[in-house]
Structures are given as structure tokens and as C-alpha cells.
């Protein structure tokens, strides 16, 4: 007979509730980590965009307008090794 089998009904429910709570906390921590990683990636890419396009002086709307102008060209000319892996399959 295992430890779990020896528990009464209320103890089993309490144990399961604890497991569910720990699972929820773990899920929230994973979401938080993913959010922080995404924010960092966006900041780094934005910094590179400003650096290589020399657009420090443009605001967000102007930057978007500039990117729209070059978007199709960049998509067409992007080497395969830099394209999304899903597209490569």
C-alpha cells in the first residue's frame, strides 16, 4: 500500500489542491519568463534597427513608415538561412 493510498479523502483532496496550486504558480512563472525574454529581444532588435539604419531621430510612426517602404524588398531578398524555420520545411 502506497503513501497516497493510506491518505483519507480530505488529505487526498488537500494534496491534489497543493499540486494544482504549484502547477499554476509554475505556469505563471514560465509566462513571466517568456514575457521578459520577448521584451528583451524586442529592445535589442530595436536598438539594432536604430544603429544600422541611423534612425535615432525618427519617432515610432516615422520608423514604421520607413519600414513599410522597405518591407517587401527585404522579404524578397532575405537569404534562406535567415528565414523562419517553419518556412524552410
N, C-alpha and C. Protein backbone atom coordinates (compact mmCIF):
# COMPACT_ATOMS: atom_id res chain seq x y z
N UNK A 1 0.84 -1.17 0.00
CA UNK A 1 0.00 0.00 0.00
C UNK A 1 0.89 1.24 0.00
N UNK A 2 0.64 2.14 -0.95
CA UNK A 2 1.48 3.33 -1.08
C UNK A 2 1.04 4.41 -0.09
N UNK A 3 1.89 5.42 0.03
CA UNK A 3 1.60 6.54 0.91
C UNK A 3 0.29 7.20 0.52
N UNK A 4 0.08 7.41 -0.76
CA UNK A 4 -1.13 8.07 -1.25
C UNK A 4 -2.38 7.26 -0.92
N UNK A 5 -2.29 5.94 -1.01
CA UNK A 5 -3.44 5.08 -0.71
C UNK A 5 -3.84 5.16 0.76
N UNK A 6 -2.91 5.45 1.64
CA UNK A 6 -3.19 5.50 3.07
C UNK A 6 -3.84 6.80 3.51
N UNK A 7 -3.86 7.80 2.64
CA UNK A 7 -4.46 9.09 3.00
C UNK A 7 -5.99 9.00 2.95
N UNK A 8 -6.64 9.74 3.85
CA UNK A 8 -8.10 9.77 3.79
C UNK A 8 -8.53 10.73 2.68
N UNK A 9 -9.81 10.80 2.42
CA UNK A 9 -10.35 11.57 1.31
C UNK A 9 -9.96 13.06 1.40
N UNK A 10 -10.11 13.65 2.58
CA UNK A 10 -9.78 15.07 2.75
C UNK A 10 -8.29 15.33 2.53
N UNK A 11 -7.44 14.43 3.01
CA UNK A 11 -6.00 14.58 2.84
C UNK A 11 -5.62 14.48 1.36
N UNK A 12 -6.28 13.59 0.64
CA UNK A 12 -6.02 13.45 -0.80
C UNK A 12 -6.42 14.72 -1.55
N UNK A 13 -7.56 15.26 -1.20
CA UNK A 13 -8.02 16.49 -1.84
C UNK A 13 -7.06 17.63 -1.54
N UNK A 14 -6.62 17.73 -0.29
CA UNK A 14 -5.69 18.78 0.10
C UNK A 14 -4.37 18.64 -0.66
N UNK A 15 -3.90 17.41 -0.80
CA UNK A 15 -2.65 17.14 -1.52
C UNK A 15 -2.80 17.51 -3.00
N UNK A 16 -3.93 17.15 -3.60
CA UNK A 16 -4.17 17.48 -5.00
C UNK A 16 -4.31 18.99 -5.20
N UNK A 17 -4.98 19.66 -4.27
CA UNK A 17 -5.10 21.11 -4.34
C UNK A 17 -3.72 21.77 -4.32
N UNK A 18 -2.84 21.27 -3.48
CA UNK A 18 -1.47 21.79 -3.41
C UNK A 18 -0.73 21.58 -4.72
N UNK A 19 -0.93 20.40 -5.31
CA UNK A 19 -0.27 20.11 -6.59
C UNK A 19 -0.79 21.05 -7.68
N UNK A 20 -2.09 21.29 -7.69
CA UNK A 20 -2.68 22.19 -8.68
C UNK A 20 -2.15 23.60 -8.49
N UNK A 21 -2.08 24.05 -7.25
CA UNK A 21 -1.58 25.40 -6.96
C UNK A 21 -0.13 25.55 -7.40
N UNK A 22 0.71 24.55 -7.11
CA UNK A 22 2.11 24.60 -7.53
C UNK A 22 2.22 24.62 -9.04
N UNK A 23 1.34 23.88 -9.70
CA UNK A 23 1.33 23.85 -11.17
C UNK A 23 0.95 25.22 -11.72
N UNK A 24 -0.04 25.88 -11.14
CA UNK A 24 -0.45 27.22 -11.57
C UNK A 24 0.69 28.22 -11.39
N UNK A 25 1.36 28.14 -10.26
CA UNK A 25 2.48 29.05 -9.98
C UNK A 25 3.60 28.83 -10.99
N UNK A 26 3.89 27.58 -11.28
CA UNK A 26 4.93 27.26 -12.26
C UNK A 26 4.57 27.81 -13.64
N UNK A 27 3.29 27.67 -14.03
CA UNK A 27 2.83 28.17 -15.31
C UNK A 27 2.96 29.69 -15.37
N UNK A 28 2.59 30.39 -14.29
CA UNK A 28 2.70 31.85 -14.24
C UNK A 28 4.16 32.30 -14.35
N UNK A 29 5.06 31.57 -13.69
CA UNK A 29 6.48 31.91 -13.75
C UNK A 29 7.02 31.72 -15.16
N UNK A 30 6.57 30.66 -15.84
CA UNK A 30 7.00 30.42 -17.22
C UNK A 30 6.52 31.54 -18.13
N UNK A 31 5.27 31.97 -17.96
CA UNK A 31 4.73 33.07 -18.77
C UNK A 31 5.51 34.35 -18.52
N UNK A 32 5.82 34.61 -17.27
CA UNK A 32 6.59 35.80 -16.90
C UNK A 32 7.97 35.77 -17.55
N UNK A 33 8.61 34.61 -17.52
CA UNK A 33 9.93 34.46 -18.12
C UNK A 33 9.86 34.69 -19.63
N UNK A 34 8.86 34.10 -20.29
CA UNK A 34 8.69 34.27 -21.73
C UNK A 34 8.43 35.74 -22.07
N UNK A 35 7.64 36.43 -21.26
CA UNK A 35 7.34 37.84 -21.49
C UNK A 35 8.61 38.69 -21.38
N UNK A 36 9.42 38.40 -20.37
CA UNK A 36 10.67 39.14 -20.20
C UNK A 36 11.65 38.87 -21.34
N UNK A 37 11.72 37.61 -21.79
CA UNK A 37 12.59 37.27 -22.91
C UNK A 37 12.15 37.99 -24.18
N UNK A 38 10.84 38.06 -24.41
CA UNK A 38 10.31 38.75 -25.59
C UNK A 38 10.63 40.24 -25.50
N UNK A 39 10.41 40.84 -24.34
CA UNK A 39 10.69 42.27 -24.17
C UNK A 39 12.16 42.56 -24.44
N UNK A 40 13.03 41.73 -23.93
CA UNK A 40 14.47 41.92 -24.14
C UNK A 40 14.82 41.82 -25.62
N UNK A 41 14.26 40.81 -26.29
CA UNK A 41 14.52 40.61 -27.72
C UNK A 41 14.05 41.82 -28.53
N UNK A 42 12.87 42.34 -28.21
CA UNK A 42 12.35 43.49 -28.93
C UNK A 42 13.22 44.73 -28.71
N UNK A 43 13.68 44.92 -27.50
CA UNK A 43 14.55 46.06 -27.19
C UNK A 43 15.86 45.94 -27.97
N UNK A 44 16.45 44.74 -27.97
CA UNK A 44 17.72 44.53 -28.67
C UNK A 44 17.56 44.75 -30.18
N UNK A 45 16.47 44.23 -30.75
CA UNK A 45 16.25 44.41 -32.19
C UNK A 45 15.98 45.87 -32.52
N UNK A 46 15.24 46.55 -31.68
CA UNK A 46 15.00 47.98 -31.90
C UNK A 46 16.30 48.77 -31.87
N UNK A 47 17.18 48.42 -30.96
CA UNK A 47 18.48 49.10 -30.88
C UNK A 47 19.30 48.86 -32.14
N UNK A 48 19.27 47.63 -32.63
CA UNK A 48 19.99 47.32 -33.88
C UNK A 48 19.40 48.08 -35.06
N UNK A 49 18.09 48.16 -35.09
CA UNK A 49 17.42 48.89 -36.16
C UNK A 49 17.87 50.35 -36.16
N UNK A 50 17.88 50.99 -35.01
CA UNK A 50 18.32 52.37 -34.91
C UNK A 50 19.79 52.53 -35.32
N UNK A 51 20.60 51.59 -34.90
CA UNK A 51 22.03 51.66 -35.18
C UNK A 51 22.33 51.53 -36.67
N UNK A 52 21.81 50.48 -37.32
CA UNK A 52 22.18 50.21 -38.70
C UNK A 52 21.42 51.04 -39.72
N UNK A 53 20.25 51.54 -39.37
CA UNK A 53 19.50 52.40 -40.29
C UNK A 53 19.70 53.88 -39.95
N UNK A 54 20.44 54.15 -38.90
CA UNK A 54 20.73 55.51 -38.46
C UNK A 54 19.43 56.32 -38.36
N UNK A 55 18.50 55.81 -37.55
CA UNK A 55 17.19 56.45 -37.45
C UNK A 55 16.89 56.89 -36.01
N UNK A 56 17.90 57.29 -35.29
CA UNK A 56 17.72 57.73 -33.91
C UNK A 56 16.73 58.89 -33.82
N UNK A 57 16.70 59.71 -34.84
CA UNK A 57 15.90 60.93 -34.84
C UNK A 57 14.42 60.70 -35.20
N UNK A 58 14.05 59.52 -35.68
CA UNK A 58 12.67 59.25 -36.09
C UNK A 58 11.82 58.81 -34.90
N UNK A 59 10.55 59.21 -34.92
CA UNK A 59 9.65 58.70 -33.89
C UNK A 59 9.06 57.35 -34.37
N UNK A 60 8.19 56.76 -33.58
CA UNK A 60 7.67 55.43 -33.87
C UNK A 60 6.91 55.41 -35.20
N UNK A 61 6.06 56.40 -35.43
CA UNK A 61 5.27 56.44 -36.66
C UNK A 61 6.16 56.58 -37.89
N UNK A 62 7.18 57.42 -37.79
CA UNK A 62 8.10 57.61 -38.91
C UNK A 62 8.91 56.34 -39.17
N UNK A 63 9.31 55.67 -38.10
CA UNK A 63 10.05 54.42 -38.24
C UNK A 63 9.18 53.38 -38.95
N UNK A 64 7.92 53.29 -38.56
CA UNK A 64 7.02 52.34 -39.21
C UNK A 64 6.86 52.67 -40.68
N UNK A 65 6.72 53.92 -41.00
CA UNK A 65 6.57 54.34 -42.40
C UNK A 65 7.80 53.94 -43.21
N UNK A 66 8.97 54.16 -42.65
CA UNK A 66 10.21 53.78 -43.33
C UNK A 66 10.28 52.27 -43.54
N UNK A 67 9.91 51.52 -42.52
CA UNK A 67 9.95 50.06 -42.63
C UNK A 67 8.95 49.54 -43.66
N UNK A 68 7.81 50.15 -43.75
CA UNK A 68 6.83 49.75 -44.76
C UNK A 68 7.38 49.91 -46.17
N UNK A 69 8.15 50.97 -46.37
CA UNK A 69 8.73 51.23 -47.69
C UNK A 69 9.65 50.09 -48.10
N UNK A 70 10.46 49.58 -47.17
CA UNK A 70 11.47 48.57 -47.50
C UNK A 70 11.04 47.13 -47.19
N UNK A 71 9.89 46.94 -46.61
CA UNK A 71 9.45 45.64 -46.14
C UNK A 71 9.45 44.56 -47.22
N UNK A 72 8.77 44.80 -48.33
CA UNK A 72 8.68 43.79 -49.40
C UNK A 72 10.04 43.46 -49.99
N UNK A 73 10.87 44.48 -50.18
CA UNK A 73 12.20 44.27 -50.71
C UNK A 73 13.02 43.35 -49.80
N UNK A 74 12.98 43.64 -48.52
CA UNK A 74 13.74 42.85 -47.55
C UNK A 74 13.23 41.41 -47.52
N UNK A 75 11.91 41.23 -47.53
CA UNK A 75 11.34 39.88 -47.53
C UNK A 75 11.79 39.08 -48.74
N UNK A 76 11.80 39.73 -49.91
CA UNK A 76 12.21 39.05 -51.14
C UNK A 76 13.69 38.71 -51.14
N UNK A 77 14.52 39.59 -50.62
CA UNK A 77 15.97 39.43 -50.70
C UNK A 77 16.60 38.73 -49.50
N UNK A 78 15.80 38.38 -48.51
CA UNK A 78 16.35 37.71 -47.33
C UNK A 78 16.85 36.32 -47.70
N UNK A 79 18.12 36.01 -47.41
CA UNK A 79 18.64 34.67 -47.69
C UNK A 79 17.86 33.60 -46.91
N UNK A 80 17.78 32.42 -47.49
CA UNK A 80 17.00 31.33 -46.90
C UNK A 80 17.42 31.02 -45.47
N UNK A 81 18.72 31.11 -45.18
CA UNK A 81 19.19 30.75 -43.84
C UNK A 81 18.65 31.69 -42.75
N UNK A 82 18.16 32.87 -43.13
CA UNK A 82 17.62 33.81 -42.16
C UNK A 82 16.10 33.78 -42.09
N UNK A 83 15.48 32.98 -42.92
CA UNK A 83 14.02 32.90 -42.92
C UNK A 83 13.54 31.99 -41.80
N UNK A 84 12.29 32.16 -41.44
CA UNK A 84 11.67 31.37 -40.37
C UNK A 84 11.82 29.89 -40.68
N UNK A 85 12.18 29.11 -39.68
CA UNK A 85 12.39 27.67 -39.86
C UNK A 85 11.15 26.97 -40.35
N UNK A 86 9.96 27.47 -40.00
CA UNK A 86 8.71 26.86 -40.45
C UNK A 86 8.58 26.96 -41.96
N UNK A 87 9.10 28.05 -42.54
CA UNK A 87 9.04 28.24 -43.98
C UNK A 87 10.01 27.31 -44.70
N UNK A 88 11.08 26.90 -44.02
CA UNK A 88 12.10 26.04 -44.64
C UNK A 88 11.65 24.61 -44.80
N UNK A 89 10.55 24.22 -44.14
CA UNK A 89 10.13 22.82 -44.16
C UNK A 89 9.06 22.59 -45.18
